[in-house]
């Protein structure tokens, strides 16, 4: 099955380079990388043009503030995989990441993973190449105490990996974490399911409403189930201070979403068909 990994990026070329390195180590090989840039940065273009060994597509748009939902829709349109995996440009996947999403994939099912929020020390070590994400993945249990100590936010337990075909996951683990809400940095679904809801709704502007809360209820309303991929499809999130988009609490946008939810309007009002 052909997979499209759609990565939402903005200016952070260093983090994208770390993602590309991690994708070279993937155990599942039949994928394309779609870099959905919210902007049109010359440094980003120069880096992308030099990527070797991967099938790469790159979409851009005018830099007019945070428009992640529109940018991600650009990536969906450019992609041609049967299965789509969505990640953020500051999240580095485990070597088993794509394989896990593929092995857990089911029709009319959305997989929702989680991330390890690395602290500033470990994030700096990875960015400066003192260690690689692959080394951190392979030594996670051994280094766990220091990872936990460094963490500003928790979720360090999300770094423990269980094979989706393994005894522990099949008989025990999946029953305790069967469903979980979508977060925009780590989820996947079949292409047909995201097309069915007209992609991401671009009406939510500089809030995170559109790429997790809204997409979650609309996919479910369209007939999809949400299934957890926690501790199976793992990734590291690089530390950074919270930005404007992360802290905003826009009651107007939430009210708009809830009104559409009450009316069961799960097809995006301003989505793929507006491009």
Protein backbone atom coordinates (compact mmCIF):
# COMPACT_ATOMS: atom_id res chain seq x y z
CA UNK A 1 0.00 0.00 0.00
CA UNK A 2 1.32 3.41 -1.00
CA UNK A 3 1.48 5.86 1.93
CA UNK A 4 1.71 9.64 1.81
CA UNK A 5 3.36 11.25 4.85
CA UNK A 6 2.11 14.84 4.93
CA UNK A 7 4.38 17.03 7.06
CA UNK A 8 3.18 20.52 8.01
CA UNK A 9 6.21 22.85 8.15
CA UNK A 10 7.02 26.49 8.72
CA UNK A 11 10.62 27.77 8.41
CA UNK A 12 12.22 25.18 10.74
CA UNK A 13 14.60 23.59 8.23
CA UNK A 14 16.67 21.96 10.97
CA UNK A 15 13.70 20.02 12.32
CA UNK A 16 12.66 18.96 8.81
CA UNK A 17 16.17 17.62 8.25
CA UNK A 18 15.80 15.47 11.37
CA UNK A 19 12.46 14.16 10.08
CA UNK A 20 14.03 13.31 6.72
CA UNK A 21 16.83 11.41 8.47
CA UNK A 22 14.22 9.45 10.45
CA UNK A 23 12.28 8.65 7.28
CA UNK A 24 15.41 7.16 5.73
CA UNK A 25 15.41 4.66 8.61
CA UNK A 26 11.76 3.58 8.26
CA UNK A 27 11.14 -0.15 8.26
CA UNK A 28 8.23 0.39 5.84
CA UNK A 29 9.50 1.74 2.53
CA UNK A 30 6.51 2.30 0.23
CA UNK A 31 5.82 5.95 0.99
CA UNK A 32 6.18 9.45 -0.35
CA UNK A 33 7.04 12.55 1.66
CA UNK A 34 4.73 15.51 1.07
CA UNK A 35 6.11 18.69 2.64
CA UNK A 36 3.19 21.08 3.14
CA UNK A 37 4.79 24.46 3.79
CA UNK A 38 2.76 27.26 5.33
CA UNK A 39 4.76 29.90 3.51
CA UNK A 40 7.36 30.02 0.77
CA UNK A 41 10.78 30.26 2.43
CA UNK A 42 13.86 30.18 0.09
CA UNK A 43 15.91 28.33 2.71
CA UNK A 44 13.25 25.64 2.94
CA UNK A 45 13.14 25.27 -0.84
CA UNK A 46 16.93 25.02 -1.07
CA UNK A 47 16.98 22.25 1.52
CA UNK A 48 14.12 20.30 -0.05
CA UNK A 49 15.72 20.41 -3.49
CA UNK A 50 18.75 18.65 -2.00
CA UNK A 51 16.87 15.72 -0.41
CA UNK A 52 17.99 12.40 -1.87
CA UNK A 53 16.74 8.85 -1.53
CA UNK A 54 13.08 9.72 -0.90
CA UNK A 55 10.11 10.49 -3.13
CA UNK A 56 9.39 14.11 -2.22
CA UNK A 57 6.65 16.59 -3.07
CA UNK A 58 6.57 20.19 -1.85
CA UNK A 59 3.62 22.57 -1.64
CA UNK A 60 3.79 26.25 -0.71
CA UNK A 61 1.51 29.22 -0.20
CA UNK A 62 1.84 32.89 0.54
CA UNK A 63 2.94 33.62 4.12
CA UNK A 64 -0.12 35.45 5.48
CA UNK A 65 -0.17 34.33 9.10
CA UNK A 66 -0.85 30.83 10.40
CA UNK A 67 -2.85 28.90 7.83
CA UNK A 68 -1.95 25.32 8.67
CA UNK A 69 -5.32 23.90 7.60
CA UNK A 70 -5.04 25.38 4.13
CA UNK A 71 -1.43 24.23 3.84
CA UNK A 72 -2.35 20.69 4.87
CA UNK A 73 -5.10 20.67 2.26
CA UNK A 74 -2.47 21.64 -0.30
CA UNK A 75 -0.52 18.56 0.78
CA UNK A 76 -3.56 16.28 0.47
CA UNK A 77 -4.21 17.52 -3.07
CA UNK A 78 -0.58 16.94 -4.08
CA UNK A 79 -0.40 13.46 -2.54
CA UNK A 80 -1.26 10.24 -4.32
CA UNK A 81 -1.02 7.62 -1.58
CA UNK A 82 -3.92 5.33 -0.72
CA UNK A 83 -3.22 6.01 2.95
CA UNK A 84 -2.35 9.38 4.52
CA UNK A 85 -0.31 10.03 7.67
CA UNK A 86 -0.29 13.56 9.11
CA UNK A 87 2.59 14.85 11.25
CA UNK A 88 3.93 18.23 12.33
CA UNK A 89 7.28 19.67 11.30
CA UNK A 90 8.74 19.50 14.81
CA UNK A 91 7.90 15.82 15.40
CA UNK A 92 10.40 13.07 14.59
CA UNK A 93 8.97 9.61 13.93
CA UNK A 94 10.34 6.34 15.27
CA UNK A 95 11.82 3.96 12.70
CA UNK A 96 8.68 1.79 13.07
CA UNK A 97 6.27 4.72 12.71
CA UNK A 98 4.97 4.19 9.18
CA UNK A 99 4.90 0.42 9.60
CA UNK A 100 2.78 0.77 12.75
CA UNK A 101 0.22 3.00 11.04
CA UNK A 102 -0.01 0.60 8.12
CA UNK A 103 -0.36 -2.53 10.28
CA UNK A 104 -3.12 -0.97 12.39
CA UNK A 105 -4.96 0.56 9.42
CA UNK A 106 -8.58 -0.45 8.84
CA UNK A 107 -11.31 0.81 6.56
CA UNK A 108 -13.40 3.64 8.04
CA UNK A 109 -10.93 3.89 10.93
CA UNK A 110 -8.73 6.82 11.93
CA UNK A 111 -5.57 6.07 13.90
CA UNK A 112 -4.65 8.59 16.58
CA UNK A 113 -1.13 8.47 17.98
CA UNK A 114 0.67 10.48 20.61
CA UNK A 115 4.11 12.06 21.03
CA UNK A 116 6.88 12.21 23.57
CA UNK A 117 7.34 15.86 24.55
CA UNK A 118 11.11 16.05 24.87
CA UNK A 119 12.58 18.61 27.24
CA UNK A 120 15.08 21.31 26.23
CA UNK A 121 18.20 19.22 26.98
CA UNK A 122 17.28 16.22 24.86
CA UNK A 123 15.87 18.42 22.11
CA UNK A 124 19.17 20.31 21.94
CA UNK A 125 21.12 17.05 21.82
CA UNK A 126 19.10 15.88 18.83
CA UNK A 127 19.20 19.23 17.03
CA UNK A 128 22.98 19.48 17.52
CA UNK A 129 23.37 15.82 16.45
CA UNK A 130 25.00 14.77 19.71
CA UNK A 131 22.53 11.89 19.55
CA UNK A 132 20.13 10.76 16.84
CA UNK A 133 16.43 10.12 17.23
CA UNK A 134 17.14 6.49 16.32
CA UNK A 135 19.60 6.21 19.21
CA UNK A 136 17.05 7.75 21.56
CA UNK A 137 14.38 5.36 20.32
CA UNK A 138 16.60 2.30 20.80
CA UNK A 139 17.81 3.41 24.25
CA UNK A 140 14.51 4.80 25.52
CA UNK A 141 14.13 2.45 28.46
CA UNK A 142 17.77 2.86 29.52
CA UNK A 143 17.63 6.66 29.32
CA UNK A 144 14.07 6.98 30.58
CA UNK A 145 14.89 8.49 33.99
CA UNK A 146 16.93 11.32 32.47
CA UNK A 147 14.30 11.89 29.75
CA UNK A 148 11.65 12.15 32.47
CA UNK A 149 13.80 14.54 34.51
CA UNK A 150 14.36 16.80 31.50
CA UNK A 151 10.71 16.88 30.45
CA UNK A 152 8.79 20.13 30.94
CA UNK A 153 5.56 18.41 29.98
CA UNK A 154 4.87 14.78 30.74
CA UNK A 155 3.71 12.10 28.30
CA UNK A 156 7.11 10.42 28.54
CA UNK A 157 5.28 7.09 28.83
CA UNK A 158 4.28 7.57 25.18
CA UNK A 159 7.82 6.64 24.17
CA UNK A 160 7.54 2.99 25.09
CA UNK A 161 7.04 0.92 21.95
CA UNK A 162 4.97 -2.24 21.53
CA UNK A 163 4.81 -4.17 18.28
CA UNK A 164 1.27 -4.03 16.84
CA UNK A 165 1.44 -7.73 15.98
CA UNK A 166 2.95 -8.65 19.37
CA UNK A 167 1.31 -10.68 22.13
CA UNK A 168 1.33 -7.88 24.71
CA UNK A 169 -0.35 -5.33 22.46
CA UNK A 170 -2.95 -7.68 20.98
CA UNK A 171 -4.10 -9.32 24.20
CA UNK A 172 -3.58 -6.65 26.83
CA UNK A 173 -2.49 -3.18 25.82
CA UNK A 174 -5.03 -2.32 23.12
CA UNK A 175 -7.96 -3.00 25.46
CA UNK A 176 -6.89 -0.21 27.81
CA UNK A 177 -6.34 2.46 25.14
CA UNK A 178 -8.83 1.58 22.46
CA UNK A 179 -9.88 5.10 21.47
CA UNK A 180 -8.31 8.51 21.87
CA UNK A 181 -9.02 11.98 20.46
CA UNK A 182 -7.11 13.08 17.37
CA UNK A 183 -4.16 15.40 17.71
CA UNK A 184 -3.02 17.04 14.49
CA UNK A 185 0.63 16.03 14.82
CA UNK A 186 0.08 12.25 14.61
CA UNK A 187 -2.92 10.65 12.96
CA UNK A 188 -3.73 8.70 9.82
CA UNK A 189 -6.61 7.50 7.67
CA UNK A 190 -7.42 6.24 4.21
CA UNK A 191 -7.41 8.89 1.52
CA UNK A 192 -11.07 8.25 0.73
CA UNK A 193 -12.10 9.17 4.29
CA UNK A 194 -10.40 12.58 4.29
CA UNK A 195 -11.80 13.32 0.81
CA UNK A 196 -15.26 12.36 2.03
CA UNK A 197 -15.28 15.22 4.56
CA UNK A 198 -13.67 17.70 2.10
CA UNK A 199 -10.40 17.82 4.02
CA UNK A 200 -9.56 20.33 6.74
CA UNK A 201 -11.89 23.28 7.26
CA UNK A 202 -9.93 26.48 6.63
CA UNK A 203 -12.44 28.72 8.44
CA UNK A 204 -10.69 28.38 11.82
CA UNK A 205 -7.74 30.65 11.07
CA UNK A 206 -4.89 30.83 13.58
CA UNK A 207 -6.38 28.38 16.06
CA UNK A 208 -5.76 24.66 16.50
CA UNK A 209 -9.51 23.97 16.36
CA UNK A 210 -9.41 22.95 12.71
CA UNK A 211 -6.62 20.37 12.82
CA UNK A 212 -7.68 18.33 15.84
CA UNK A 213 -11.04 19.08 17.55
CA UNK A 214 -12.94 19.82 14.34
CA UNK A 215 -11.38 17.10 12.20
CA UNK A 216 -12.05 14.59 15.00
CA UNK A 217 -15.81 15.09 15.21
CA UNK A 218 -16.27 15.43 11.45
CA UNK A 219 -14.48 12.16 10.69
CA UNK A 220 -16.56 10.39 13.32
CA UNK A 221 -19.78 11.98 12.06
CA UNK A 222 -18.94 10.71 8.56
CA UNK A 223 -18.88 7.15 9.88
CA UNK A 224 -15.25 6.64 10.91
CA UNK A 225 -14.08 5.12 14.18
CA UNK A 226 -11.11 6.57 16.08
CA UNK A 227 -8.57 4.00 17.26
CA UNK A 228 -5.55 4.60 19.44
CA UNK A 229 -2.05 4.10 18.06
CA UNK A 230 -0.42 5.18 21.32
CA UNK A 231 2.79 3.29 22.12
CA UNK A 232 2.74 1.82 18.62
CA UNK A 233 3.09 4.76 16.19
CA UNK A 234 5.55 6.76 18.29
CA UNK A 235 7.33 10.07 17.73
CA UNK A 236 9.47 12.65 19.51
CA UNK A 237 8.29 16.26 19.77
CA UNK A 238 11.10 18.81 19.95
CA UNK A 239 10.83 21.31 22.77
CA UNK A 240 9.86 24.91 22.06
CA UNK A 241 8.07 27.67 23.90
CA UNK A 242 4.33 27.80 23.40
CA UNK A 243 3.37 30.01 20.48
CA UNK A 244 0.36 32.24 19.86
CA UNK A 245 -1.57 29.52 18.12
CA UNK A 246 -1.05 27.08 20.97
CA UNK A 247 -2.31 29.38 23.71
CA UNK A 248 -5.24 31.07 22.00
CA UNK A 249 -8.68 30.22 23.35
CA UNK A 250 -10.99 31.43 20.65
CA UNK A 251 -14.56 30.98 21.90
CA UNK A 252 -15.88 32.40 18.62
CA UNK A 253 -14.24 29.60 16.61
CA UNK A 254 -15.33 26.94 19.09
CA UNK A 255 -18.88 28.30 18.98
CA UNK A 256 -18.80 28.13 15.19
CA UNK A 257 -17.61 24.52 15.33
CA UNK A 258 -20.24 23.50 17.88
CA UNK A 259 -23.01 25.07 15.80
CA UNK A 260 -21.90 23.04 12.79
CA UNK A 261 -21.67 19.96 15.00
CA UNK A 262 -25.22 20.47 16.28
CA UNK A 263 -26.39 20.66 12.67
CA UNK A 264 -24.31 17.60 11.67
CA UNK A 265 -22.51 19.63 9.00
CA UNK A 266 -19.45 17.39 8.78
CA UNK A 267 -18.36 18.34 5.25
CA UNK A 268 -15.81 21.17 5.43
CA UNK A 269 -17.36 24.50 4.50
CA UNK A 270 -14.06 25.79 3.15
CA UNK A 271 -11.98 22.76 2.28
CA UNK A 272 -10.36 20.89 -0.60
CA UNK A 273 -12.97 21.94 -3.12
CA UNK A 274 -12.07 25.63 -2.72
CA UNK A 275 -8.52 25.18 -4.07
